[in-house]
Amino acid sequence: ALYFSRAPIPWDGGNENLPLYHHIGLYGFRRAALARFVSLPSSI
């Protein structure tokens, strides 16, 4: 994953045959990754 957005990404140049992907909010965390994630402050 390079980025998540509510905007249509990546740019398709008006070509609807180019795929866009709907993110599904299930997650897998390594134990240490979850511990780090919840310790981080909200980001910009």
ModelCIF file with pLDDT and N, C-alpha, C, O atoms, coordinates in Angstrom:
data_MODEL
#
_entry.id   MODEL 
#
_entity.id                         1 
_entity.type                       polymer 
_entity.pdbx_number_of_molecules   1 
#
_entity_poly.entity_id                      1 
_entity_poly.type                           'polypeptide(L)' 
_entity_poly.nstd_linkage                   no 
_entity_poly.nstd_monomer                   no 
_entity_poly.pdbx_seq_one_letter_code       ALYFSRAPIPWDGGNENLPLYHHIGLYGFRRAALARFVSLPSSI 
_entity_poly.pdbx_seq_one_letter_code_can   ALYFSRAPIPWDGGNENLPLYHHIGLYGFRRAALARFVSLPSSI 
_entity_poly.pdbx_strand_id                 A 
#
loop_
_entity_poly_seq.entity_id 
_entity_poly_seq.num 
_entity_poly_seq.mon_id 
_entity_poly_seq.hetero 
1 1  ALA n 
1 2  LEU n 
1 3  TYR n 
1 4  PHE n 
1 5  SER n 
1 6  ARG n 
1 7  ALA n 
1 8  PRO n 
1 9  ILE n 
1 10 PRO n 
1 11 TRP n 
1 12 ASP n 
1 13 GLY n 
1 14 GLY n 
1 15 ASN n 
1 16 GLU n 
1 17 ASN n 
1 18 LEU n 
1 19 PRO n 
1 20 LEU n 
1 21 TYR n 
1 22 HIS n 
1 23 HIS n 
1 24 ILE n 
1 25 GLY n 
1 26 LEU n 
1 27 TYR n 
1 28 GLY n 
1 29 PHE n 
1 30 ARG n 
1 31 ARG n 
1 32 ALA n 
1 33 ALA n 
1 34 LEU n 
1 35 ALA n 
1 36 ARG n 
1 37 PHE n 
1 38 VAL n 
1 39 SER n 
1 40 LEU n 
1 41 PRO n 
1 42 SER n 
1 43 SER n 
1 44 ILE n 
#
_struct_asym.id          A 
_struct_asym.entity_id   1 
#
loop_
_ma_qa_metric.id 
_ma_qa_metric.mode 
_ma_qa_metric.name 
_ma_qa_metric.software_group_id 
_ma_qa_metric.type 
1 global pLDDT . pLDDT 
2 local  pLDDT . pLDDT 
#
_ma_qa_metric_global.metric_id      1 
_ma_qa_metric_global.metric_value   95.98 
_ma_qa_metric_global.model_id       1 
_ma_qa_metric_global.ordinal_id     1 
#
loop_
_ma_qa_metric_local.label_asym_id 
_ma_qa_metric_local.label_comp_id 
_ma_qa_metric_local.label_seq_id 
_ma_qa_metric_local.metric_id 
_ma_qa_metric_local.metric_value 
_ma_qa_metric_local.model_id 
_ma_qa_metric_local.ordinal_id 
A ALA 1  2 98.00 1 1  
A LEU 2  2 98.00 1 2  
A TYR 3  2 98.00 1 3  
A PHE 4  2 98.00 1 4  
A SER 5  2 98.00 1 5  
A ARG 6  2 97.00 1 6  
A ALA 7  2 97.00 1 7  
A PRO 8  2 96.00 1 8  
A ILE 9  2 97.00 1 9  
A PRO 10 2 96.00 1 10 
A TRP 11 2 95.00 1 11 
A ASP 12 2 93.00 1 12 
A GLY 13 2 92.00 1 13 
A GLY 14 2 90.00 1 14 
A ASN 15 2 93.00 1 15 
A GLU 16 2 92.00 1 16 
A ASN 17 2 93.00 1 17 
A LEU 18 2 96.00 1 18 
A PRO 19 2 96.00 1 19 
A LEU 20 2 97.00 1 20 
A TYR 21 2 98.00 1 21 
A HIS 22 2 97.00 1 22 
A HIS 23 2 98.00 1 23 
A ILE 24 2 96.00 1 24 
A GLY 25 2 93.00 1 25 
A LEU 26 2 96.00 1 26 
A TYR 27 2 97.00 1 27 
A GLY 28 2 97.00 1 28 
A PHE 29 2 97.00 1 29 
A ARG 30 2 96.00 1 30 
A ARG 31 2 95.00 1 31 
A ALA 32 2 95.00 1 32 
A ALA 33 2 96.00 1 33 
A LEU 34 2 97.00 1 34 
A ALA 35 2 97.00 1 35 
A ARG 36 2 97.00 1 36 
A PHE 37 2 97.00 1 37 
A VAL 38 2 96.00 1 38 
A SER 39 2 97.00 1 39 
A LEU 40 2 97.00 1 40 
A PRO 41 2 95.00 1 41 
A SER 42 2 95.00 1 42 
A SER 43 2 97.00 1 43 
A ILE 44 2 97.00 1 44 
#
loop_
_atom_site.group_PDB 
_atom_site.id 
_atom_site.type_symbol 
_atom_site.label_atom_id 
_atom_site.label_alt_id 
_atom_site.label_comp_id 
_atom_site.label_asym_id 
_atom_site.label_entity_id 
_atom_site.label_seq_id 
_atom_site.pdbx_PDB_ins_code 
_atom_site.Cartn_x 
_atom_site.Cartn_y 
_atom_site.Cartn_z 
_atom_site.occupancy 
_atom_site.B_iso_or_equiv 
_atom_site.pdbx_formal_charge 
_atom_site.auth_seq_id 
_atom_site.auth_comp_id 
_atom_site.auth_asym_id 
_atom_site.auth_atom_id 
_atom_site.pdbx_PDB_model_num 
ATOM 1   N N  . ALA A 1 1  ? 0.840   -1.187 0.000   1.00 98.00 ? 1  ALA A N  1 
ATOM 2   C CA . ALA A 1 1  ? 0.000   0.000  0.000   1.00 98.00 ? 1  ALA A CA 1 
ATOM 3   C C  . ALA A 1 1  ? 0.880   1.244  0.000   1.00 98.00 ? 1  ALA A C  1 
ATOM 4   O O  . ALA A 1 1  ? 1.724   1.419  0.879   1.00 98.00 ? 1  ALA A O  1 
ATOM 5   N N  . LEU A 1 2  ? 0.676   2.108  -0.996  1.00 98.00 ? 2  LEU A N  1 
ATOM 6   C CA . LEU A 1 2  ? 1.431   3.347  -1.083  1.00 98.00 ? 2  LEU A CA 1 
ATOM 7   C C  . LEU A 1 2  ? 0.658   4.528  -0.483  1.00 98.00 ? 2  LEU A C  1 
ATOM 8   O O  . LEU A 1 2  ? 1.258   5.466  0.042   1.00 98.00 ? 2  LEU A O  1 
ATOM 9   N N  . TYR A 1 3  ? -0.664  4.475  -0.562  1.00 98.00 ? 3  TYR A N  1 
ATOM 10  C CA . TYR A 1 3  ? -1.480  5.543  0.015   1.00 98.00 ? 3  TYR A CA 1 
ATOM 11  C C  . TYR A 1 3  ? -2.930  5.092  0.067   1.00 98.00 ? 3  TYR A C  1 
ATOM 12  O O  . TYR A 1 3  ? -3.366  4.254  -0.723  1.00 98.00 ? 3  TYR A O  1 
ATOM 13  N N  . PHE A 1 4  ? -3.672  5.663  1.014   1.00 98.00 ? 4  PHE A N  1 
ATOM 14  C CA . PHE A 1 4  ? -5.113  5.468  1.133   1.00 98.00 ? 4  PHE A CA 1 
ATOM 15  C C  . PHE A 1 4  ? -5.771  6.844  1.038   1.00 98.00 ? 4  PHE A C  1 
ATOM 16  O O  . PHE A 1 4  ? -5.243  7.828  1.556   1.00 98.00 ? 4  PHE A O  1 
ATOM 17  N N  . SER A 1 5  ? -6.923  6.906  0.374   1.00 98.00 ? 5  SER A N  1 
ATOM 18  C CA . SER A 1 5  ? -7.586  8.193  0.228   1.00 98.00 ? 5  SER A CA 1 
ATOM 19  C C  . SER A 1 5  ? -9.077  8.018  -0.030  1.00 98.00 ? 5  SER A C  1 
ATOM 20  O O  . SER A 1 5  ? -9.531  6.974  -0.497  1.00 98.00 ? 5  SER A O  1 
ATOM 21  N N  . ARG A 1 6  ? -9.824  9.073  0.290   1.00 97.00 ? 6  ARG A N  1 
ATOM 22  C CA . ARG A 1 6  ? -11.234 9.126  -0.085  1.00 97.00 ? 6  ARG A CA 1 
ATOM 23  C C  . ARG A 1 6  ? -11.399 9.636  -1.517  1.00 97.00 ? 6  ARG A C  1 
ATOM 24  O O  . ARG A 1 6  ? -12.484 9.559  -2.093  1.00 97.00 ? 6  ARG A O  1 
ATOM 25  N N  . ALA A 1 7  ? -10.310 10.155 -2.081  1.00 97.00 ? 7  ALA A N  1 
ATOM 26  C CA . ALA A 1 7  ? -10.304 10.605 -3.473  1.00 97.00 ? 7  ALA A CA 1 
ATOM 27  C C  . ALA A 1 7  ? -10.014 9.414  -4.391  1.00 97.00 ? 7  ALA A C  1 
ATOM 28  O O  . ALA A 1 7  ? -9.477  8.404  -3.938  1.00 97.00 ? 7  ALA A O  1 
ATOM 29  N N  . PRO A 1 8  ? -10.367 9.524  -5.684  1.00 96.00 ? 8  PRO A N  1 
ATOM 30  C CA . PRO A 1 8  ? -10.073 8.426  -6.618  1.00 96.00 ? 8  PRO A CA 1 
ATOM 31  C C  . PRO A 1 8  ? -8.586  8.376  -6.950  1.00 96.00 ? 8  PRO A C  1 
ATOM 32  O O  . PRO A 1 8  ? -8.080  9.187  -7.726  1.00 96.00 ? 8  PRO A O  1 
ATOM 33  N N  . ILE A 1 9  ? -7.900  7.416  -6.353  1.00 97.00 ? 9  ILE A N  1 
ATOM 34  C CA . ILE A 1 9  ? -6.463  7.238  -6.597  1.00 97.00 ? 9  ILE A CA 1 
ATOM 35  C C  . ILE A 1 9  ? -6.193  5.809  -7.040  1.00 97.00 ? 9  ILE A C  1 
ATOM 36  O O  . ILE A 1 9  ? -6.929  4.902  -6.650  1.00 97.00 ? 9  ILE A O  1 
ATOM 37  N N  . PRO A 1 10 ? -5.134  5.577  -7.862  1.00 96.00 ? 10 PRO A N  1 
ATOM 38  C CA . PRO A 1 10 ? -4.340  6.585  -8.560  1.00 96.00 ? 10 PRO A CA 1 
ATOM 39  C C  . PRO A 1 10 ? -5.138  7.201  -9.716  1.00 96.00 ? 10 PRO A C  1 
ATOM 40  O O  . PRO A 1 10 ? -6.175  6.673  -10.118 1.00 96.00 ? 10 PRO A O  1 
ATOM 41  N N  . TRP A 1 11 ? -4.641  8.317  -10.237 1.00 95.00 ? 11 TRP A N  1 
ATOM 42  C CA . TRP A 1 11 ? -5.309  9.014  -11.326 1.00 95.00 ? 11 TRP A CA 1 
ATOM 43  C C  . TRP A 1 11 ? -5.528  8.074  -12.503 1.00 95.00 ? 11 TRP A C  1 
ATOM 44  O O  . TRP A 1 11 ? -4.621  7.333  -12.881 1.00 95.00 ? 11 TRP A O  1 
ATOM 45  N N  . ASP A 1 12 ? -6.720  8.098  -13.083 1.00 93.00 ? 12 ASP A N  1 
ATOM 46  C CA . ASP A 1 12 ? -7.026  7.207  -14.201 1.00 93.00 ? 12 ASP A CA 1 
ATOM 47  C C  . ASP A 1 12 ? -7.130  7.931  -15.540 1.00 93.00 ? 12 ASP A C  1 
ATOM 48  O O  . ASP A 1 12 ? -7.379  7.301  -16.568 1.00 93.00 ? 12 ASP A O  1 
ATOM 49  N N  . GLY A 1 13 ? -6.939  9.260  -15.532 1.00 92.00 ? 13 GLY A N  1 
ATOM 50  C CA . GLY A 1 13 ? -6.991  10.013 -16.777 1.00 92.00 ? 13 GLY A CA 1 
ATOM 51  C C  . GLY A 1 13 ? -8.326  9.935  -17.490 1.00 92.00 ? 13 GLY A C  1 
ATOM 52  O O  . GLY A 1 13 ? -8.402  10.140 -18.701 1.00 92.00 ? 13 GLY A O  1 
ATOM 53  N N  . GLY A 1 14 ? -9.385  9.636  -16.738 1.00 90.00 ? 14 GLY A N  1 
ATOM 54  C CA . GLY A 1 14 ? -10.704 9.509  -17.346 1.00 90.00 ? 14 GLY A CA 1 
ATOM 55  C C  . GLY A 1 14 ? -10.986 8.154  -17.947 1.00 90.00 ? 14 GLY A C  1 
ATOM 56  O O  . GLY A 1 14 ? -12.043 7.951  -18.544 1.00 90.00 ? 14 GLY A O  1 
ATOM 57  N N  . ASN A 1 15 ? -10.059 7.220  -17.799 1.00 93.00 ? 15 ASN A N  1 
ATOM 58  C CA . ASN A 1 15 ? -10.221 5.874  -18.354 1.00 93.00 ? 15 ASN A CA 1 
ATOM 59  C C  . ASN A 1 15 ? -10.748 4.952  -17.254 1.00 93.00 ? 15 ASN A C  1 
ATOM 60  O O  . ASN A 1 15 ? -9.986  4.507  -16.395 1.00 93.00 ? 15 ASN A O  1 
ATOM 61  N N  . GLU A 1 16 ? -12.055 4.666  -17.282 1.00 92.00 ? 16 GLU A N  1 
ATOM 62  C CA . GLU A 1 16 ? -12.657 3.845  -16.228 1.00 92.00 ? 16 GLU A CA 1 
ATOM 63  C C  . GLU A 1 16 ? -12.312 2.366  -16.354 1.00 92.00 ? 16 GLU A C  1 
ATOM 64  O O  . GLU A 1 16 ? -12.715 1.560  -15.516 1.00 92.00 ? 16 GLU A O  1 
ATOM 65  N N  . ASN A 1 17 ? -11.567 2.007  -17.398 1.00 93.00 ? 17 ASN A N  1 
ATOM 66  C CA . ASN A 1 17 ? -11.092 0.630  -17.510 1.00 93.00 ? 17 ASN A CA 1 
ATOM 67  C C  . ASN A 1 17 ? -9.864  0.383  -16.640 1.00 93.00 ? 17 ASN A C  1 
ATOM 68  O O  . ASN A 1 17 ? -9.510  -0.762 -16.359 1.00 93.00 ? 17 ASN A O  1 
ATOM 69  N N  . LEU A 1 18 ? -9.214  1.478  -16.215 1.00 96.00 ? 18 LEU A N  1 
ATOM 70  C CA . LEU A 1 18 ? -8.077  1.333  -15.304 1.00 96.00 ? 18 LEU A CA 1 
ATOM 71  C C  . LEU A 1 18 ? -8.611  1.075  -13.901 1.00 96.00 ? 18 LEU A C  1 
ATOM 72  O O  . LEU A 1 18 ? -9.494  1.798  -13.440 1.00 96.00 ? 18 LEU A O  1 
ATOM 73  N N  . PRO A 1 19 ? -8.096  0.066  -13.219 1.00 96.00 ? 19 PRO A N  1 
ATOM 74  C CA . PRO A 1 19 ? -8.700  -0.327 -11.937 1.00 96.00 ? 19 PRO A CA 1 
ATOM 75  C C  . PRO A 1 19 ? -8.448  0.668  -10.818 1.00 96.00 ? 19 PRO A C  1 
ATOM 76  O O  . PRO A 1 19 ? -7.370  1.254  -10.709 1.00 96.00 ? 19 PRO A O  1 
ATOM 77  N N  . LEU A 1 20 ? -9.472  0.843  -9.988  1.00 97.00 ? 20 LEU A N  1 
ATOM 78  C CA . LEU A 1 20 ? -9.334  1.468  -8.680  1.00 97.00 ? 20 LEU A CA 1 
ATOM 79  C C  . LEU A 1 20 ? -9.761  0.421  -7.653  1.00 97.00 ? 20 LEU A C  1 
ATOM 80  O O  . LEU A 1 20 ? -10.602 -0.434 -7.932  1.00 97.00 ? 20 LEU A O  1 
ATOM 81  N N  . TYR A 1 21 ? -9.171  0.502  -6.467  1.00 98.00 ? 21 TYR A N  1 
ATOM 82  C CA . TYR A 1 21 ? -9.406  -0.540 -5.468  1.00 98.00 ? 21 TYR A CA 1 
ATOM 83  C C  . TYR A 1 21 ? -10.051 0.028  -4.206  1.00 98.00 ? 21 TYR A C  1 
ATOM 84  O O  . TYR A 1 21 ? -9.584  1.004  -3.620  1.00 98.00 ? 21 TYR A O  1 
ATOM 85  N N  . HIS A 1 22 ? -11.131 -0.620 -3.820  1.00 97.00 ? 22 HIS A N  1 
ATOM 86  C CA . HIS A 1 22 ? -11.897 -0.283 -2.616  1.00 97.00 ? 22 HIS A CA 1 
ATOM 87  C C  . HIS A 1 22 ? -11.197 -0.918 -1.414  1.00 97.00 ? 22 HIS A C  1 
ATOM 88  O O  . HIS A 1 22 ? -11.069 -2.139 -1.333  1.00 97.00 ? 22 HIS A O  1 
ATOM 89  N N  . HIS A 1 23 ? -10.749 -0.076 -0.488  1.00 98.00 ? 23 HIS A N  1 
ATOM 90  C CA . HIS A 1 23 ? -10.107 -0.617 0.713   1.00 98.00 ? 23 HIS A CA 1 
ATOM 91  C C  . HIS A 1 23 ? -11.144 -1.234 1.641   1.00 98.00 ? 23 HIS A C  1 
ATOM 92  O O  . HIS A 1 23 ? -12.205 -0.657 1.876   1.00 98.00 ? 23 HIS A O  1 
ATOM 93  N N  . ILE A 1 24 ? -10.826 -2.405 2.162   1.00 96.00 ? 24 ILE A N  1 
ATOM 94  C CA . ILE A 1 24 ? -11.687 -3.132 3.097   1.00 96.00 ? 24 ILE A CA 1 
ATOM 95  C C  . ILE A 1 24 ? -11.009 -3.106 4.465   1.00 96.00 ? 24 ILE A C  1 
ATOM 96  O O  . ILE A 1 24 ? -9.856  -3.516 4.595   1.00 96.00 ? 24 ILE A O  1 
ATOM 97  N N  . GLY A 1 25 ? -11.718 -2.629 5.477   1.00 93.00 ? 25 GLY A N  1 
ATOM 98  C CA . GLY A 1 25 ? -11.098 -2.341 6.757   1.00 93.00 ? 25 GLY A CA 1 
ATOM 99  C C  . GLY A 1 25 ? -10.894 -3.502 7.703   1.00 93.00 ? 25 GLY A C  1 
ATOM 100 O O  . GLY A 1 25 ? -11.219 -3.398 8.886   1.00 93.00 ? 25 GLY A O  1 
ATOM 101 N N  . LEU A 1 26 ? -10.366 -4.600 7.210   1.00 96.00 ? 26 LEU A N  1 
ATOM 102 C CA . LEU A 1 26 ? -9.861  -5.656 8.076   1.00 96.00 ? 26 LEU A CA 1 
ATOM 103 C C  . LEU A 1 26 ? -8.343  -5.510 8.114   1.00 96.00 ? 26 LEU A C  1 
ATOM 104 O O  . LEU A 1 26 ? -7.723  -5.143 7.115   1.00 96.00 ? 26 LEU A O  1 
ATOM 105 N N  . TYR A 1 27 ? -7.746  -5.798 9.272   1.00 97.00 ? 27 TYR A N  1 
ATOM 106 C CA . TYR A 1 27 ? -6.304  -5.603 9.408   1.00 97.00 ? 27 TYR A CA 1 
ATOM 107 C C  . TYR A 1 27 ? -5.662  -6.799 10.110  1.00 97.00 ? 27 TYR A C  1 
ATOM 108 O O  . TYR A 1 27 ? -6.260  -7.439 10.976  1.00 97.00 ? 27 TYR A O  1 
ATOM 109 N N  . GLY A 1 28 ? -4.443  -7.072 9.708   1.00 97.00 ? 28 GLY A N  1 
ATOM 110 C CA . GLY A 1 28 ? -3.583  -7.986 10.442  1.00 97.00 ? 28 GLY A CA 1 
ATOM 111 C C  . GLY A 1 28 ? -2.391  -7.200 10.950  1.00 97.00 ? 28 GLY A C  1 
ATOM 112 O O  . GLY A 1 28 ? -1.758  -6.468 10.190  1.00 97.00 ? 28 GLY A O  1 
ATOM 113 N N  . PHE A 1 29 ? -2.080  -7.344 12.228  1.00 97.00 ? 29 PHE A N  1 
ATOM 114 C CA . PHE A 1 29 ? -0.945  -6.642 12.835  1.00 97.00 ? 29 PHE A CA 1 
ATOM 115 C C  . PHE A 1 29 ? 0.038   -7.659 13.403  1.00 97.00 ? 29 PHE A C  1 
ATOM 116 O O  . PHE A 1 29 ? -0.370  -8.619 14.056  1.00 97.00 ? 29 PHE A O  1 
ATOM 117 N N  . ARG A 1 30 ? 1.309   -7.458 13.162  1.00 96.00 ? 30 ARG A N  1 
ATOM 118 C CA . ARG A 1 30 ? 2.276   -8.128 14.013  1.00 96.00 ? 30 ARG A CA 1 
ATOM 119 C C  . ARG A 1 30 ? 2.140   -7.528 15.415  1.00 96.00 ? 30 ARG A C  1 
ATOM 120 O O  . ARG A 1 30 ? 1.793   -6.356 15.561  1.00 96.00 ? 30 ARG A O  1 
ATOM 121 N N  . ARG A 1 31 ? 2.410   -8.321 16.427  1.00 95.00 ? 31 ARG A N  1 
ATOM 122 C CA . ARG A 1 31 ? 2.199   -7.857 17.809  1.00 95.00 ? 31 ARG A CA 1 
ATOM 123 C C  . ARG A 1 31 ? 2.952   -6.549 18.072  1.00 95.00 ? 31 ARG A C  1 
ATOM 124 O O  . ARG A 1 31 ? 2.387   -5.599 18.615  1.00 95.00 ? 31 ARG A O  1 
ATOM 125 N N  . ALA A 1 32 ? 4.223   -6.508 17.684  1.00 95.00 ? 32 ALA A N  1 
ATOM 126 C CA . ALA A 1 32 ? 5.024   -5.316 17.928  1.00 95.00 ? 32 ALA A CA 1 
ATOM 127 C C  . ALA A 1 32 ? 4.512   -4.128 17.116  1.00 95.00 ? 32 ALA A C  1 
ATOM 128 O O  . ALA A 1 32 ? 4.585   -2.987 17.571  1.00 95.00 ? 32 ALA A O  1 
ATOM 129 N N  . ALA A 1 33 ? 3.996   -4.392 15.920  1.00 96.00 ? 33 ALA A N  1 
ATOM 130 C CA . ALA A 1 33 ? 3.484   -3.313 15.073  1.00 96.00 ? 33 ALA A CA 1 
ATOM 131 C C  . ALA A 1 33 ? 2.246   -2.687 15.690  1.00 96.00 ? 33 ALA A C  1 
ATOM 132 O O  . ALA A 1 33 ? 2.088   -1.466 15.652  1.00 96.00 ? 33 ALA A O  1 
ATOM 133 N N  . LEU A 1 34 ? 1.365   -3.503 16.258  1.00 97.00 ? 34 LEU A N  1 
ATOM 134 C CA . LEU A 1 34 ? 0.171   -2.959 16.907  1.00 97.00 ? 34 LEU A CA 1 
ATOM 135 C C  . LEU A 1 34 ? 0.557   -2.111 18.113  1.00 97.00 ? 34 LEU A C  1 
ATOM 136 O O  . LEU A 1 34 ? 0.005   -1.030 18.320  1.00 97.00 ? 34 LEU A O  1 
ATOM 137 N N  . ALA A 1 35 ? 1.500   -2.600 18.904  1.00 97.00 ? 35 ALA A N  1 
ATOM 138 C CA . ALA A 1 35 ? 1.944   -1.838 20.070  1.00 97.00 ? 35 ALA A CA 1 
ATOM 139 C C  . ALA A 1 35 ? 2.519   -0.491 19.652  1.00 97.00 ? 35 ALA A C  1 
ATOM 140 O O  . ALA A 1 35 ? 2.261   0.526  20.296  1.00 97.00 ? 35 ALA A O  1 
ATOM 141 N N  . ARG A 1 36 ? 3.297   -0.484 18.572  1.00 97.00 ? 36 ARG A N  1 
ATOM 142 C CA . ARG A 1 36 ? 3.860   0.783  18.091  1.00 97.00 ? 36 ARG A CA 1 
ATOM 143 C C  . ARG A 1 36 ? 2.763   1.694  17.550  1.00 97.00 ? 36 ARG A C  1 
ATOM 144 O O  . ARG A 1 36 ? 2.748   2.895  17.820  1.00 97.00 ? 36 ARG A O  1 
ATOM 145 N N  . PHE A 1 37 ? 1.849   1.107  16.786  1.00 97.00 ? 37 PHE A N  1 
ATOM 146 C CA . PHE A 1 37 ? 0.811   1.911  16.137  1.00 97.00 ? 37 PHE A CA 1 
ATOM 147 C C  . PHE A 1 37 ? -0.034  2.665  17.158  1.00 97.00 ? 37 PHE A C  1 
ATOM 148 O O  . PHE A 1 37 ? -0.272  3.862  16.997  1.00 97.00 ? 37 PHE A O  1 
ATOM 149 N N  . VAL A 1 38 ? -0.487  1.983  18.203  1.00 96.00 ? 38 VAL A N  1 
ATOM 150 C CA . VAL A 1 38 ? -1.364  2.649  19.179  1.00 96.00 ? 38 VAL A CA 1 
ATOM 151 C C  . VAL A 1 38 ? -0.607  3.669  20.027  1.00 96.00 ? 38 VAL A C  1 
ATOM 152 O O  . VAL A 1 38 ? -1.225  4.499  20.694  1.00 96.00 ? 38 VAL A O  1 
ATOM 153 N N  . SER A 1 39 ? 0.726   3.614  20.008  1.00 97.00 ? 39 SER A N  1 
ATOM 154 C CA . SER A 1 39 ? 1.517   4.594  20.760  1.00 97.00 ? 39 SER A CA 1 
ATOM 155 C C  . SER A 1 39 ? 1.782   5.864  19.964  1.00 97.00 ? 39 SER A C  1 
ATOM 156 O O  . SER A 1 39 ? 2.214   6.870  20.526  1.00 97.00 ? 39 SER A O  1 
ATOM 157 N N  . LEU A 1 40 ? 1.522   5.824  18.644  1.00 97.00 ? 40 LEU A N  1 
ATOM 158 C CA . LEU A 1 40 ? 1.800   6.974  17.790  1.00 97.00 ? 40 LEU A CA 1 
ATOM 159 C C  . LEU A 1 40 ? 0.731   8.057  17.956  1.00 97.00 ? 40 LEU A C  1 
ATOM 160 O O  . LEU A 1 40 ? -0.444  7.748  18.153  1.00 97.00 ? 40 LEU A O  1 
ATOM 161 N N  . PRO A 1 41 ? 1.138   9.315  17.876  1.00 95.00 ? 41 PRO A N  1 
ATOM 162 C CA . PRO A 1 41 ? 0.130   10.379 17.889  1.00 95.00 ? 41 PRO A CA 1 
ATOM 163 C C  . PRO A 1 41 ? -0.593  10.450 16.558  1.00 95.00 ? 41 PRO A C  1 
ATOM 164 O O  . PRO A 1 41 ? -0.100  9.957  15.544  1.00 95.00 ? 41 PRO A O  1 
ATOM 165 N N  . SER A 1 42 ? -1.765  11.067 16.567  1.00 95.00 ? 42 SER A N  1 
ATOM 166 C CA . SER A 1 42 ? -2.509  11.298 15.318  1.00 95.00 ? 42 SER A CA 1 
ATOM 167 C C  . SER A 1 42 ? -1.622  12.064 14.358  1.00 95.00 ? 42 SER A C  1 
ATOM 168 O O  . SER A 1 42 ? -0.861  12.939 14.772  1.00 95.00 ? 42 SER A O  1 
ATOM 169 N N  . SER A 1 43 ? -1.717  11.733 13.060  1.00 97.00 ? 43 SER A N  1 
ATOM 170 C CA . SER A 1 43 ? -0.820  12.326 12.069  1.00 97.00 ? 43 SER A CA 1 
ATOM 171 C C  . SER A 1 43 ? -1.555  13.348 11.195  1.00 97.00 ? 43 SER A C  1 
ATOM 172 O O  . SER A 1 43 ? -2.782  13.439 11.206  1.00 97.00 ? 43 SER A O  1 
ATOM 173 N N  . ILE A 1 44 ? -0.772  14.103 10.448  1.00 97.00 ? 44 ILE A N  1 
ATOM 174 C CA . ILE A 1 44 ? -1.328  15.183 9.634   1.00 97.00 ? 44 ILE A CA 1 
ATOM 175 C C  . ILE A 1 44 ? -2.287  14.644 8.574   1.00 97.00 ? 44 ILE A C  1 
ATOM 176 O O  . ILE A 1 44 ? -2.847  15.417 7.798   1.00 97.00 ? 44 ILE A O  1 
#
